[in-house]
PDB file of all heavy atoms in Angstrom:
ATOM      1  N   SER A   1      51.534  22.041  -5.406  1.00  0.00           N
ATOM      2  CA  SER A   1      50.711  23.150  -5.084  1.00  0.00           C
ATOM      3  C   SER A   1      50.607  23.282  -3.426  1.00  0.00           C
ATOM      4  O   SER A   1      50.796  22.259  -2.766  1.00  0.00           O
ATOM      5  CB  SER A   1      49.403  23.147  -5.690  1.00  0.00           C
ATOM      6  OG  SER A   1      48.664  21.960  -5.153  1.00  0.00           O
ATOM      7  N   ASP A   2      50.387  24.440  -2.979  1.00  0.00           N
ATOM      8  CA  ASP A   2      50.128  24.649  -1.667  1.00  0.00           C
ATOM      9  C   ASP A   2      48.883  23.759  -1.058  1.00  0.00           C
ATOM     10  O   ASP A   2      49.037  23.171  -0.078  1.00  0.00           O
ATOM     11  CB  ASP A   2      49.795  26.165  -1.245  1.00  0.00           C
ATOM     12  CG  ASP A   2      50.977  27.050  -1.400  1.00  0.00           C
ATOM     13  OD1 ASP A   2      52.123  26.568  -1.444  1.00  0.00           O
ATOM     14  OD2 ASP A   2      50.766  28.226  -1.570  1.00  0.00           O
ATOM     15  N   GLU A   3      47.944  23.465  -1.883  1.00  0.00           N
ATOM     16  CA  GLU A   3      46.780  22.825  -1.589  1.00  0.00           C
ATOM     17  C   GLU A   3      47.157  21.342  -1.432  1.00  0.00           C
ATOM     18  O   GLU A   3      46.742  20.701  -0.377  1.00  0.00           O
ATOM     19  CB  GLU A   3      45.656  23.034  -2.529  1.00  0.00           C
ATOM     20  CG  GLU A   3      44.314  22.336  -2.178  1.00  0.00           C
ATOM     21  CD  GLU A   3      43.299  22.692  -3.208  1.00  0.00           C
ATOM     22  OE1 GLU A   3      43.499  23.125  -4.329  1.00  0.00           O
ATOM     23  OE2 GLU A   3      42.041  22.572  -2.836  1.00  0.00           O
ATOM     24  N   MET A   4      47.866  20.854  -2.374  1.00  0.00           N
ATOM     25  CA  MET A   4      48.371  19.518  -2.207  1.00  0.00           C
ATOM     26  C   MET A   4      49.152  19.233  -0.996  1.00  0.00           C
ATOM     27  O   MET A   4      48.915  18.248  -0.329  1.00  0.00           O
ATOM     28  CB  MET A   4      49.300  19.044  -3.534  1.00  0.00           C
ATOM     29  CG  MET A   4      49.800  17.706  -3.504  1.00  0.00           C
ATOM     30  SD  MET A   4      48.425  16.377  -3.628  1.00  0.00           S
ATOM     31  CE  MET A   4      47.891  16.689  -5.311  1.00  0.00           C
ATOM     32  N   ARG A   5      50.067  20.039  -0.770  1.00  0.00           N
ATOM     33  CA  ARG A   5      50.945  19.931   0.538  1.00  0.00           C
ATOM     34  C   ARG A   5      50.231  20.141   1.757  1.00  0.00           C
ATOM     35  O   ARG A   5      50.339  19.346   2.767  1.00  0.00           O
ATOM     36  CB  ARG A   5      52.213  20.839   0.428  1.00  0.00           C
ATOM     37  CG  ARG A   5      53.148  20.489  -0.612  1.00  0.00           C
ATOM     38  CD  ARG A   5      54.493  21.318  -0.654  1.00  0.00           C
ATOM     39  NE  ARG A   5      54.204  22.539  -1.354  1.00  0.00           N
ATOM     40  CZ  ARG A   5      54.199  23.766  -0.883  1.00  0.00           C
ATOM     41  NH1 ARG A   5      54.326  23.868   0.327  1.00  0.00           N
ATOM     42  NH2 ARG A   5      53.793  24.824  -1.623  1.00  0.00           N
ATOM     43  N   SER A   6      49.214  21.013   1.748  1.00  0.00           N
ATOM     44  CA  SER A   6      48.309  21.196   2.858  1.00  0.00           C
ATOM     45  C   SER A   6      47.492  19.931   3.210  1.00  0.00           C
ATOM     46  O   SER A   6      47.376  19.437   4.313  1.00  0.00           O
ATOM     47  CB  SER A   6      47.489  22.330   2.698  1.00  0.00           C
ATOM     48  OG  SER A   6      46.548  22.494   3.845  1.00  0.00           O
ATOM     49  N   GLU A   7      46.961  19.336   2.181  1.00  0.00           N
ATOM     50  CA  GLU A   7      46.052  18.137   2.333  1.00  0.00           C
ATOM     51  C   GLU A   7      46.859  16.945   2.752  1.00  0.00           C
ATOM     52  O   GLU A   7      46.486  16.029   3.470  1.00  0.00           O
ATOM     53  CB  GLU A   7      45.293  17.787   1.133  1.00  0.00           C
ATOM     54  CG  GLU A   7      44.086  18.835   0.845  1.00  0.00           C
ATOM     55  CD  GLU A   7      43.197  18.981   1.928  1.00  0.00           C
ATOM     56  OE1 GLU A   7      43.056  18.066   2.820  1.00  0.00           O
ATOM     57  OE2 GLU A   7      42.550  20.095   2.019  1.00  0.00           O
ATOM     58  N   TYR A   8      48.121  16.840   2.295  1.00  0.00           N
ATOM     59  CA  TYR A   8      49.073  15.752   2.616  1.00  0.00           C
ATOM     60  C   TYR A   8      49.404  15.906   4.126  1.00  0.00           C
ATOM     61  O   TYR A   8      49.353  14.879   4.874  1.00  0.00           O
ATOM     62  CB  TYR A   8      50.253  15.780   1.821  1.00  0.00           C
ATOM     63  CG  TYR A   8      51.342  14.670   2.058  1.00  0.00           C
ATOM     64  CD1 TYR A   8      50.879  13.308   1.930  1.00  0.00           C
ATOM     65  CD2 TYR A   8      52.504  15.021   2.453  1.00  0.00           C
ATOM     66  CE1 TYR A   8      51.855  12.395   2.192  1.00  0.00           C
ATOM     67  CE2 TYR A   8      53.398  14.044   2.831  1.00  0.00           C
ATOM     68  CZ  TYR A   8      53.092  12.676   2.773  1.00  0.00           C
ATOM     69  OH  TYR A   8      53.979  11.761   2.939  1.00  0.00           O
ATOM     70  N   ALA A   9      49.665  17.145   4.528  1.00  0.00           N
ATOM     71  CA  ALA A   9      49.895  17.414   5.892  1.00  0.00           C
ATOM     72  C   ALA A   9      48.761  17.054   6.851  1.00  0.00           C
ATOM     73  O   ALA A   9      48.893  16.514   7.911  1.00  0.00           O
ATOM     74  CB  ALA A   9      50.354  18.856   6.136  1.00  0.00           C
ATOM     75  N   ARG A  10      47.612  17.370   6.431  1.00  0.00           N
ATOM     76  CA  ARG A  10      46.381  16.945   7.168  1.00  0.00           C
ATOM     77  C   ARG A  10      46.264  15.456   7.319  1.00  0.00           C
ATOM     78  O   ARG A  10      45.973  14.899   8.397  1.00  0.00           O
ATOM     79  CB  ARG A  10      45.046  17.477   6.441  1.00  0.00           C
ATOM     80  CG  ARG A  10      43.831  17.297   7.267  1.00  0.00           C
ATOM     81  CD  ARG A  10      42.609  17.186   6.239  1.00  0.00           C
ATOM     82  NE  ARG A  10      42.233  18.271   5.443  1.00  0.00           N
ATOM     83  CZ  ARG A  10      41.321  19.056   5.638  1.00  0.00           C
ATOM     84  NH1 ARG A  10      40.542  18.899   6.816  1.00  0.00           N
ATOM     85  NH2 ARG A  10      41.142  20.024   4.966  1.00  0.00           N
ATOM     86  N   ALA A  11      46.510  14.732   6.156  1.00  0.00           N
ATOM     87  CA  ALA A  11      46.470  13.256   6.328  1.00  0.00           C
ATOM     88  C   ALA A  11      47.489  12.697   7.223  1.00  0.00           C
ATOM     89  O   ALA A  11      47.358  11.735   7.924  1.00  0.00           O
ATOM     90  CB  ALA A  11      46.580  12.658   4.857  1.00  0.00           C
ATOM     91  N   LEU A  12      48.772  13.263   7.182  1.00  0.00           N
ATOM     92  CA  LEU A  12      49.748  12.839   8.086  1.00  0.00           C
ATOM     93  C   LEU A  12      49.358  13.089   9.539  1.00  0.00           C
ATOM     94  O   LEU A  12      49.682  12.271  10.372  1.00  0.00           O
ATOM     95  CB  LEU A  12      51.183  13.495   7.690  1.00  0.00           C
ATOM     96  CG  LEU A  12      51.784  13.165   6.484  1.00  0.00           C
ATOM     97  CD1 LEU A  12      53.092  13.997   6.322  1.00  0.00           C
ATOM     98  CD2 LEU A  12      52.160  11.654   6.423  1.00  0.00           C
ATOM     99  N   ASP A  13      48.758  14.160   9.675  1.00  0.00           N
ATOM    100  CA  ASP A  13      48.268  14.521  11.139  1.00  0.00           C
ATOM    101  C   ASP A  13      47.275  13.443  11.621  1.00  0.00           C
ATOM    102  O   ASP A  13      47.463  12.939  12.700  1.00  0.00           O
ATOM    103  CB  ASP A  13      47.625  15.830  11.176  1.00  0.00           C
ATOM    104  CG  ASP A  13      47.237  16.243  12.501  1.00  0.00           C
ATOM    105  OD1 ASP A  13      48.025  16.179  13.479  1.00  0.00           O
ATOM    106  OD2 ASP A  13      46.042  16.632  12.728  1.00  0.00           O
ATOM    107  N   TRP A  14      46.468  12.982  10.680  1.00  0.00           N
ATOM    108  CA  TRP A  14      45.429  11.925  11.090  1.00  0.00           C
ATOM    109  C   TRP A  14      46.111  10.643  11.269  1.00  0.00           C
ATOM    110  O   TRP A  14      45.738   9.789  12.052  1.00  0.00           O
ATOM    111  CB  TRP A  14      44.319  11.864  10.099  1.00  0.00           C
ATOM    112  CG  TRP A  14      43.294  12.868  10.247  1.00  0.00           C
ATOM    113  CD1 TRP A  14      42.888  13.936   9.518  1.00  0.00           C
ATOM    114  CD2 TRP A  14      42.326  12.892  11.374  1.00  0.00           C
ATOM    115  NE1 TRP A  14      41.876  14.641  10.111  1.00  0.00           N
ATOM    116  CE2 TRP A  14      41.516  13.986  11.230  1.00  0.00           C
ATOM    117  CE3 TRP A  14      42.097  12.023  12.483  1.00  0.00           C
ATOM    118  CZ2 TRP A  14      40.411  14.283  12.054  1.00  0.00           C
ATOM    119  CZ3 TRP A  14      41.171  12.251  13.383  1.00  0.00           C
ATOM    120  CH2 TRP A  14      40.287  13.415  13.158  1.00  0.00           C
ATOM    121  N   ARG A  15      47.181  10.420  10.480  1.00  0.00           N
ATOM    122  CA  ARG A  15      47.971   9.050  10.668  1.00  0.00           C
ATOM    123  C   ARG A  15      48.544   9.047  12.185  1.00  0.00           C
ATOM    124  O   ARG A  15      48.525   8.099  12.761  1.00  0.00           O
ATOM    125  CB  ARG A  15      49.056   9.047   9.664  1.00  0.00           C
ATOM    126  CG  ARG A  15      49.897   7.738   9.780  1.00  0.00           C
ATOM    127  CD  ARG A  15      50.994   7.574   8.703  1.00  0.00           C
ATOM    128  NE  ARG A  15      52.045   8.584   8.950  1.00  0.00           N
ATOM    129  CZ  ARG A  15      53.122   8.695   8.193  1.00  0.00           C
ATOM    130  NH1 ARG A  15      53.297   7.867   7.075  1.00  0.00           N
ATOM    131  NH2 ARG A  15      54.137   9.668   8.418  1.00  0.00           N
ATOM    132  N   GLU A  16      48.974  10.256  12.577  1.00  0.00           N
ATOM    133  CA  GLU A  16      49.608  10.316  13.913  1.00  0.00           C
ATOM    134  C   GLU A  16      48.399  10.139  14.988  1.00  0.00           C
ATOM    135  O   GLU A  16      48.502   9.390  16.025  1.00  0.00           O
ATOM    136  CB  GLU A  16      50.288  11.587  14.234  1.00  0.00           C
ATOM    137  CG  GLU A  16      50.933  11.764  15.578  1.00  0.00           C
ATOM    138  CD  GLU A  16      51.688  13.072  15.734  1.00  0.00           C
ATOM    139  OE1 GLU A  16      51.927  13.768  14.572  1.00  0.00           O
ATOM    140  OE2 GLU A  16      52.063  13.393  16.748  1.00  0.00           O
ATOM    141  N   LYS A  17      47.339  10.727  14.722  1.00  0.00           N
ATOM    142  CA  LYS A  17      46.210  10.674  15.751  1.00  0.00           C
ATOM    143  C   LYS A  17      45.703   9.311  15.848  1.00  0.00           C
ATOM    144  O   LYS A  17      45.078   8.860  16.874  1.00  0.00           O
ATOM    145  CB  LYS A  17      45.053  11.696  15.292  1.00  0.00           C
ATOM    146  CG  LYS A  17      45.458  13.081  15.489  1.00  0.00           C
ATOM    147  CD  LYS A  17      44.365  14.092  15.025  1.00  0.00           C
ATOM    148  CE  LYS A  17      44.588  15.540  15.265  1.00  0.00           C
ATOM    149  NZ  LYS A  17      43.598  16.416  14.731  1.00  0.00           N
ATOM    150  N   THR A  18      45.686   8.518  14.714  1.00  0.00           N
ATOM    151  CA  THR A  18      45.229   7.137  14.738  1.00  0.00           C
ATOM    152  C   THR A  18      46.314   6.124  14.889  1.00  0.00           C
ATOM    153  O   THR A  18      46.004   4.885  14.678  1.00  0.00           O
ATOM    154  CB  THR A  18      44.353   6.880  13.496  1.00  0.00           C
ATOM    155  OG1 THR A  18      45.272   7.055  12.343  1.00  0.00           O
ATOM    156  CG2 THR A  18      43.170   7.822  13.413  1.00  0.00           C
ATOM    157  N   ASP A  19      47.400   6.528  15.297  1.00  0.00           N
ATOM    158  CA  ASP A  19      48.501   5.635  15.584  1.00  0.00           C
ATOM    159  C   ASP A  19      48.874   4.683  14.377  1.00  0.00           C
ATOM    160  O   ASP A  19      49.126   3.591  14.506  1.00  0.00           O
ATOM    161  CB  ASP A  19      48.204   4.716  16.768  1.00  0.00           C
ATOM    162  CG  ASP A  19      49.465   3.991  17.302  1.00  0.00           C
ATOM    163  OD1 ASP A  19      50.624   4.349  17.084  1.00  0.00           O
ATOM    164  OD2 ASP A  19      49.264   2.877  17.853  1.00  0.00           O
ATOM    165  N   GLY A  20      48.723   5.379  13.198  1.00  0.00           N
ATOM    166  CA  GLY A  20      49.022   4.769  11.907  1.00  0.00           C
ATOM    167  C   GLY A  20      47.915   3.912  11.287  1.00  0.00           C
ATOM    168  O   GLY A  20      48.167   3.390  10.224  1.00  0.00           O
ATOM    169  N   ALA A  21      46.739   3.841  11.879  1.00  0.00           N
ATOM    170  CA  ALA A  21      45.703   3.003  11.369  1.00  0.00           C
ATOM    171  C   ALA A  21      45.177   3.767  10.081  1.00  0.00           C
ATOM    172  O   ALA A  21      44.762   2.988   9.252  1.00  0.00           O
ATOM    173  CB  ALA A  21      44.529   2.813  12.270  1.00  0.00           C
ATOM    174  N   PHE A  22      45.146   5.007  10.015  1.00  0.00           N
ATOM    175  CA  PHE A  22      44.856   5.868   8.846  1.00  0.00           C
ATOM    176  C   PHE A  22      46.146   6.304   8.178  1.00  0.00           C
ATOM    177  O   PHE A  22      47.040   6.761   8.940  1.00  0.00           O
ATOM    178  CB  PHE A  22      44.030   6.909   9.143  1.00  0.00           C
ATOM    179  CG  PHE A  22      43.666   7.813   7.992  1.00  0.00           C
ATOM    180  CD1 PHE A  22      42.562   7.568   7.113  1.00  0.00           C
ATOM    181  CD2 PHE A  22      44.487   8.869   7.618  1.00  0.00           C
ATOM    182  CE1 PHE A  22      42.305   8.366   5.937  1.00  0.00           C
ATOM    183  CE2 PHE A  22      44.150   9.715   6.541  1.00  0.00           C
ATOM    184  CZ  PHE A  22      43.095   9.340   5.730  1.00  0.00           C
ATOM    185  N   THR A  23      46.209   6.033   6.866  1.00  0.00           N
ATOM    186  CA  THR A  23      47.585   6.529   6.251  1.00  0.00           C
ATOM    187  C   THR A  23      47.250   6.965   4.907  1.00  0.00           C
ATOM    188  O   THR A  23      46.295   6.543   4.077  1.00  0.00           O
ATOM    189  CB  THR A  23      48.567   5.407   6.066  1.00  0.00           C
ATOM    190  OG1 THR A  23      49.701   5.759   5.429  1.00  0.00           O
ATOM    191  CG2 THR A  23      48.033   4.235   5.379  1.00  0.00           C
ATOM    192  N   PRO A  24      48.037   8.080   4.352  1.00  0.00           N
ATOM    193  CA  PRO A  24      47.839   8.572   2.972  1.00  0.00           C
ATOM    194  C   PRO A  24      48.679   7.866   2.041  1.00  0.00           C
ATOM    195  O   PRO A  24      48.822   8.267   0.890  1.00  0.00           O
ATOM    196  CB  PRO A  24      48.275  10.097   3.218  1.00  0.00           C
ATOM    197  CG  PRO A  24      49.305   9.994   4.266  1.00  0.00           C
ATOM    198  CD  PRO A  24      48.850   8.900   5.218  1.00  0.00           C
ATOM    199  N   HIS A  25      49.299   6.811   2.406  1.00  0.00           N
ATOM    200  CA  HIS A  25      50.181   6.011   1.469  1.00  0.00           C
ATOM    201  C   HIS A  25      49.646   4.609   1.226  1.00  0.00           C
ATOM    202  O   HIS A  25      49.273   3.883   2.141  1.00  0.00           O
ATOM    203  CB  HIS A  25      51.628   5.934   2.156  1.00  0.00           C
ATOM    204  CG  HIS A  25      52.121   7.196   2.432  1.00  0.00           C
ATOM    205  ND1 HIS A  25      52.382   7.598   3.671  1.00  0.00           N
ATOM    206  CD2 HIS A  25      52.800   8.200   1.578  1.00  0.00           C
ATOM    207  CE1 HIS A  25      53.091   8.829   3.698  1.00  0.00           C
ATOM    208  NE2 HIS A  25      53.274   9.123   2.376  1.00  0.00           N
ATOM    209  N   ARG A  26      49.545   4.252  -0.065  1.00  0.00           N
ATOM    210  CA  ARG A  26      49.124   2.943  -0.466  1.00  0.00           C
ATOM    211  C   ARG A  26      50.375   1.997  -0.053  1.00  0.00           C
ATOM    212  O   ARG A  26      51.438   2.439   0.162  1.00  0.00           O
ATOM    213  CB  ARG A  26      48.922   2.808  -2.008  1.00  0.00           C
ATOM    214  CG  ARG A  26      47.883   3.717  -2.408  1.00  0.00           C
ATOM    215  CD  ARG A  26      47.339   3.373  -3.780  1.00  0.00           C
ATOM    216  NE  ARG A  26      48.418   3.099  -4.700  1.00  0.00           N
ATOM    217  CZ  ARG A  26      48.341   3.283  -6.052  1.00  0.00           C
ATOM    218  NH1 ARG A  26      47.199   3.738  -6.634  1.00  0.00           N
ATOM    219  NH2 ARG A  26      49.426   2.930  -6.873  1.00  0.00           N
ATOM    220  N   PRO A  27      50.064   0.715  -0.037  1.00  0.00           N
ATOM    221  CA  PRO A  27      51.200  -0.215   0.273  1.00  0.00           C
ATOM    222  C   PRO A  27      52.324  -0.125  -0.697  1.00  0.00           C
ATOM    223  O   PRO A  27      53.499  -0.476  -0.274  1.00  0.00           O
ATOM    224  CB  PRO A  27      50.484  -1.673   0.030  1.00  0.00           C
ATOM    225  CG  PRO A  27      49.016  -1.315   0.376  1.00  0.00           C
ATOM    226  CD  PRO A  27      48.823   0.028  -0.214  1.00  0.00           C
ATOM    227  N   ASP A  28      52.219   0.331  -1.956  1.00  0.00           N
ATOM    228  CA  ASP A  28      53.327   0.466  -2.855  1.00  0.00           C
ATOM    229  C   ASP A  28      53.967   1.777  -2.683  1.00  0.00           C
ATOM    230  O   ASP A  28      54.887   2.128  -3.450  1.00  0.00           O
ATOM    231  CB  ASP A  28      52.897   0.330  -4.307  1.00  0.00           C
ATOM    232  CG  ASP A  28      51.752   1.322  -4.639  1.00  0.00           C
ATOM    233  OD1 ASP A  28      51.314   2.285  -3.867  1.00  0.00           O
ATOM    234  OD2 ASP A  28      51.229   1.275  -5.850  1.00  0.00           O
ATOM    235  N   GLY A  29      53.595   2.572  -1.678  1.00  0.00           N
ATOM    236  CA  GLY A  29      54.237   3.874  -1.323  1.00  0.00           C
ATOM    237  C   GLY A  29      53.593   5.116  -2.110  1.00  0.00           C
ATOM    238  O   GLY A  29      54.053   6.225  -1.762  1.00  0.00           O
ATOM    239  N   VAL A  30      52.703   4.894  -2.981  1.00  0.00           N
ATOM    240  CA  VAL A  30      52.106   5.995  -3.683  1.00  0.00           C
ATOM    241  C   VAL A  30      51.157   6.802  -2.762  1.00  0.00           C
ATOM    242  O   VAL A  30      50.479   6.256  -1.910  1.00  0.00           O
ATOM    243  CB  VAL A  30      51.333   5.488  -4.966  1.00  0.00           C
ATOM    244  CG1 VAL A  30      50.358   6.615  -5.538  1.00  0.00           C
ATOM    245  CG2 VAL A  30      52.160   4.942  -5.954  1.00  0.00           C
ATOM    246  N   ILE A  31      51.278   8.074  -2.858  1.00  0.00           N
ATOM    247  CA  ILE A  31      50.475   9.010  -2.044  1.00  0.00           C
ATOM    248  C   ILE A  31      48.991   9.006  -2.574  1.00  0.00           C
ATOM    249  O   ILE A  31      48.747   9.154  -3.704  1.00  0.00           O
ATOM    250  CB  ILE A  31      50.920  10.458  -2.013  1.00  0.00           C
ATOM    251  CG1 ILE A  31      52.334  10.548  -1.293  1.00  0.00           C
ATOM    252  CG2 ILE A  31      49.989  11.385  -1.310  1.00  0.00           C
ATOM    253  CD1 ILE A  31      53.035  11.924  -1.418  1.00  0.00           C
ATOM    254  N   ASP A  32      48.147   8.613  -1.672  1.00  0.00           N
ATOM    255  CA  ASP A  32      46.699   8.564  -2.130  1.00  0.00           C
ATOM    256  C   ASP A  32      45.888   9.223  -1.021  1.00  0.00           C
ATOM    257  O   ASP A  32      45.789   8.814   0.136  1.00  0.00           O
ATOM    258  CB  ASP A  32      46.212   7.096  -2.159  1.00  0.00           C
ATOM    259  CG  ASP A  32      44.845   6.870  -2.725  1.00  0.00           C
ATOM    260  OD1 ASP A  32      44.075   7.805  -2.630  1.00  0.00           O
ATOM    261  OD2 ASP A  32      44.433   5.714  -3.025  1.00  0.00           O
ATOM    262  N   LEU A  33      45.331  10.410  -1.482  1.00  0.00           N
ATOM    263  CA  LEU A  33      44.503  11.226  -0.536  1.00  0.00           C
ATOM    264  C   LEU A  33      43.077  11.078  -0.592  1.00  0.00           C
ATOM    265  O   LEU A  33      42.224  11.995  -0.082  1.00  0.00           O
ATOM    266  CB  LEU A  33      44.924  12.726  -0.699  1.00  0.00           C
ATOM    267  CG  LEU A  33      46.389  13.125  -0.451  1.00  0.00           C
ATOM    268  CD1 LEU A  33      46.639  14.486  -0.723  1.00  0.00           C
ATOM    269  CD2 LEU A  33      46.716  12.804   1.042  1.00  0.00           C
ATOM    270  N   SER A  34      42.663   9.984  -1.239  1.00  0.00           N
ATOM    271  CA  SER A  34      41.174   9.711  -1.383  1.00  0.00           C
ATOM    272  C   SER A  34      40.435   9.501  -0.048  1.00  0.00           C
ATOM    273  O   SER A  34      39.271   9.709   0.009  1.00  0.00           O
ATOM    274  CB  SER A  34      40.958   8.504  -2.310  1.00  0.00           C
ATOM    275  OG  SER A  34      41.587   7.429  -1.805  1.00  0.00           O
ATOM    276  N   GLY A  35      41.293   9.282   1.044  1.00  0.00           N
ATOM    277  CA  GLY A  35      40.635   8.956   2.317  1.00  0.00           C
ATOM    278  C   GLY A  35      40.235  10.230   2.950  1.00  0.00           C
ATOM    279  O   GLY A  35      39.515  10.236   3.933  1.00  0.00           O
ATOM    280  N   THR A  36      40.643  11.462   2.483  1.00  0.00           N
ATOM    281  CA  THR A  36      40.196  12.736   3.072  1.00  0.00           C
ATOM    282  C   THR A  36      39.503  13.607   2.005  1.00  0.00           C
ATOM    283  O   THR A  36      38.716  14.416   2.410  1.00  0.00           O
ATOM    284  CB  THR A  36      41.369  13.437   3.745  1.00  0.00           C
ATOM    285  OG1 THR A  36      42.481  13.623   2.612  1.00  0.00           O
ATOM    286  CG2 THR A  36      41.928  12.638   4.906  1.00  0.00           C
ATOM    287  N   ILE A  37      39.857  13.497   0.777  1.00  0.00           N
ATOM    288  CA  ILE A  37      39.374  14.578  -0.202  1.00  0.00           C
ATOM    289  C   ILE A  37      37.941  14.415  -0.420  1.00  0.00           C
ATOM    290  O   ILE A  37      37.225  15.496  -0.558  1.00  0.00           O
ATOM    291  CB  ILE A  37      40.096  14.246  -1.541  1.00  0.00           C
ATOM    292  CG1 ILE A  37      41.594  14.748  -1.349  1.00  0.00           C
ATOM    293  CG2 ILE A  37      39.499  15.200  -2.585  1.00  0.00           C
ATOM    294  CD1 ILE A  37      41.835  16.223  -0.802  1.00  0.00           C
ATOM    295  N   LYS A  38      37.334  13.326  -0.270  1.00  0.00           N
ATOM    296  CA  LYS A  38      35.850  13.281  -0.455  1.00  0.00           C
ATOM    297  C   LYS A  38      35.205  14.016   0.691  1.00  0.00           C
ATOM    298  O   LYS A  38      34.244  14.791   0.450  1.00  0.00           O
ATOM    299  CB  LYS A  38      35.350  11.807  -0.373  1.00  0.00           C
ATOM    300  CG  LYS A  38      33.835  11.706  -0.518  1.00  0.00           C
ATOM    301  CD  LYS A  38      33.479  10.238  -0.958  1.00  0.00           C
ATOM    302  CE  LYS A  38      34.021   9.306   0.061  1.00  0.00           C
ATOM    303  NZ  LYS A  38      33.296   9.354   1.335  1.00  0.00           N
ATOM    304  N   ALA A  39      35.653  13.938   1.880  1.00  0.00           N
ATOM    305  CA  ALA A  39      35.194  14.664   3.065  1.00  0.00           C
ATOM    306  C   ALA A  39      35.490  16.170   2.882  1.00  0.00           C
ATOM    307  O   ALA A  39      34.674  16.975   3.195  1.00  0.00           O
ATOM    308  CB  ALA A  39      35.760  14.118   4.338  1.00  0.00           C
ATOM    309  N   VAL A  40      36.630  16.484   2.301  1.00  0.00           N
ATOM    310  CA  VAL A  40      37.021  17.951   2.013  1.00  0.00           C
ATOM    311  C   VAL A  40      35.952  18.399   1.043  1.00  0.00           C
ATOM    312  O   VAL A  40      35.448  19.592   1.185  1.00  0.00           O
ATOM    313  CB  VAL A  40      38.344  18.023   1.468  1.00  0.00           C
ATOM    314  CG1 VAL A  40      38.577  19.416   0.965  1.00  0.00           C
ATOM    315  CG2 VAL A  40      39.399  17.701   2.497  1.00  0.00           C
ATOM    316  N   ALA A  41      35.544  17.721   0.052  1.00  0.00           N
ATOM    317  CA  ALA A  41      34.475  18.138  -0.926  1.00  0.00           C
ATOM    318  C   ALA A  41      33.100  18.352  -0.192  1.00  0.00           C
ATOM    319  O   ALA A  41      32.409  19.220  -0.512  1.00  0.00           O
ATOM    320  CB  ALA A  41      34.393  17.103  -2.038  1.00  0.00           C
ATOM    321  N   ILE A  42      32.755  17.458   0.734  1.00  0.00           N
ATOM    322  CA  ILE A  42      31.531  17.575   1.548  1.00  0.00           C
ATOM    323  C   ILE A  42      31.597  18.870   2.366  1.00  0.00           C
ATOM    324  O   ILE A  42      30.609  19.624   2.434  1.00  0.00           O
ATOM    325  CB  ILE A  42      31.249  16.345   2.359  1.00  0.00           C
ATOM    326  CG1 ILE A  42      31.084  15.096   1.502  1.00  0.00           C
ATOM    327  CG2 ILE A  42      30.093  16.534   3.313  1.00  0.00           C
ATOM    328  CD1 ILE A  42      31.093  13.815   2.234  1.00  0.00           C
ATOM    329  N   ASP A  43      32.732  19.061   2.979  1.00  0.00           N
ATOM    330  CA  ASP A  43      32.908  20.361   3.806  1.00  0.00           C
ATOM    331  C   ASP A  43      32.777  21.529   2.904  1.00  0.00           C
ATOM    332  O   ASP A  43      32.143  22.595   3.320  1.00  0.00           O
ATOM    333  CB  ASP A  43      34.281  20.274   4.350  1.00  0.00           C
ATOM    334  CG  ASP A  43      34.206  20.012   5.871  1.00  0.00           C
ATOM    335  OD1 ASP A  43      33.070  20.040   6.478  1.00  0.00           O
ATOM    336  OD2 ASP A  43      35.272  19.908   6.560  1.00  0.00           O
ATOM    337  N   ALA A  44      33.368  21.634   1.725  1.00  0.00           N
ATOM    338  CA  ALA A  44      33.294  22.701   0.896  1.00  0.00           C
ATOM    339  C   ALA A  44      31.805  22.955   0.470  1.00  0.00           C
ATOM    340  O   ALA A  44      31.367  24.160   0.340  1.00  0.00           O
ATOM    341  CB  ALA A  44      34.073  22.412  -0.411  1.00  0.00           C
TER     342      ALA A  44
END
């Protein structure tokens, strides 16, 4: 969905801003957006 791809792009942007300290990928490579979605819910 557009929403999934938009949130993934947001997480990638934060990965760049933090020089990789924040990432939307688990060590096994699985995409995990829990690092931003809770905050998105608070914003909503």
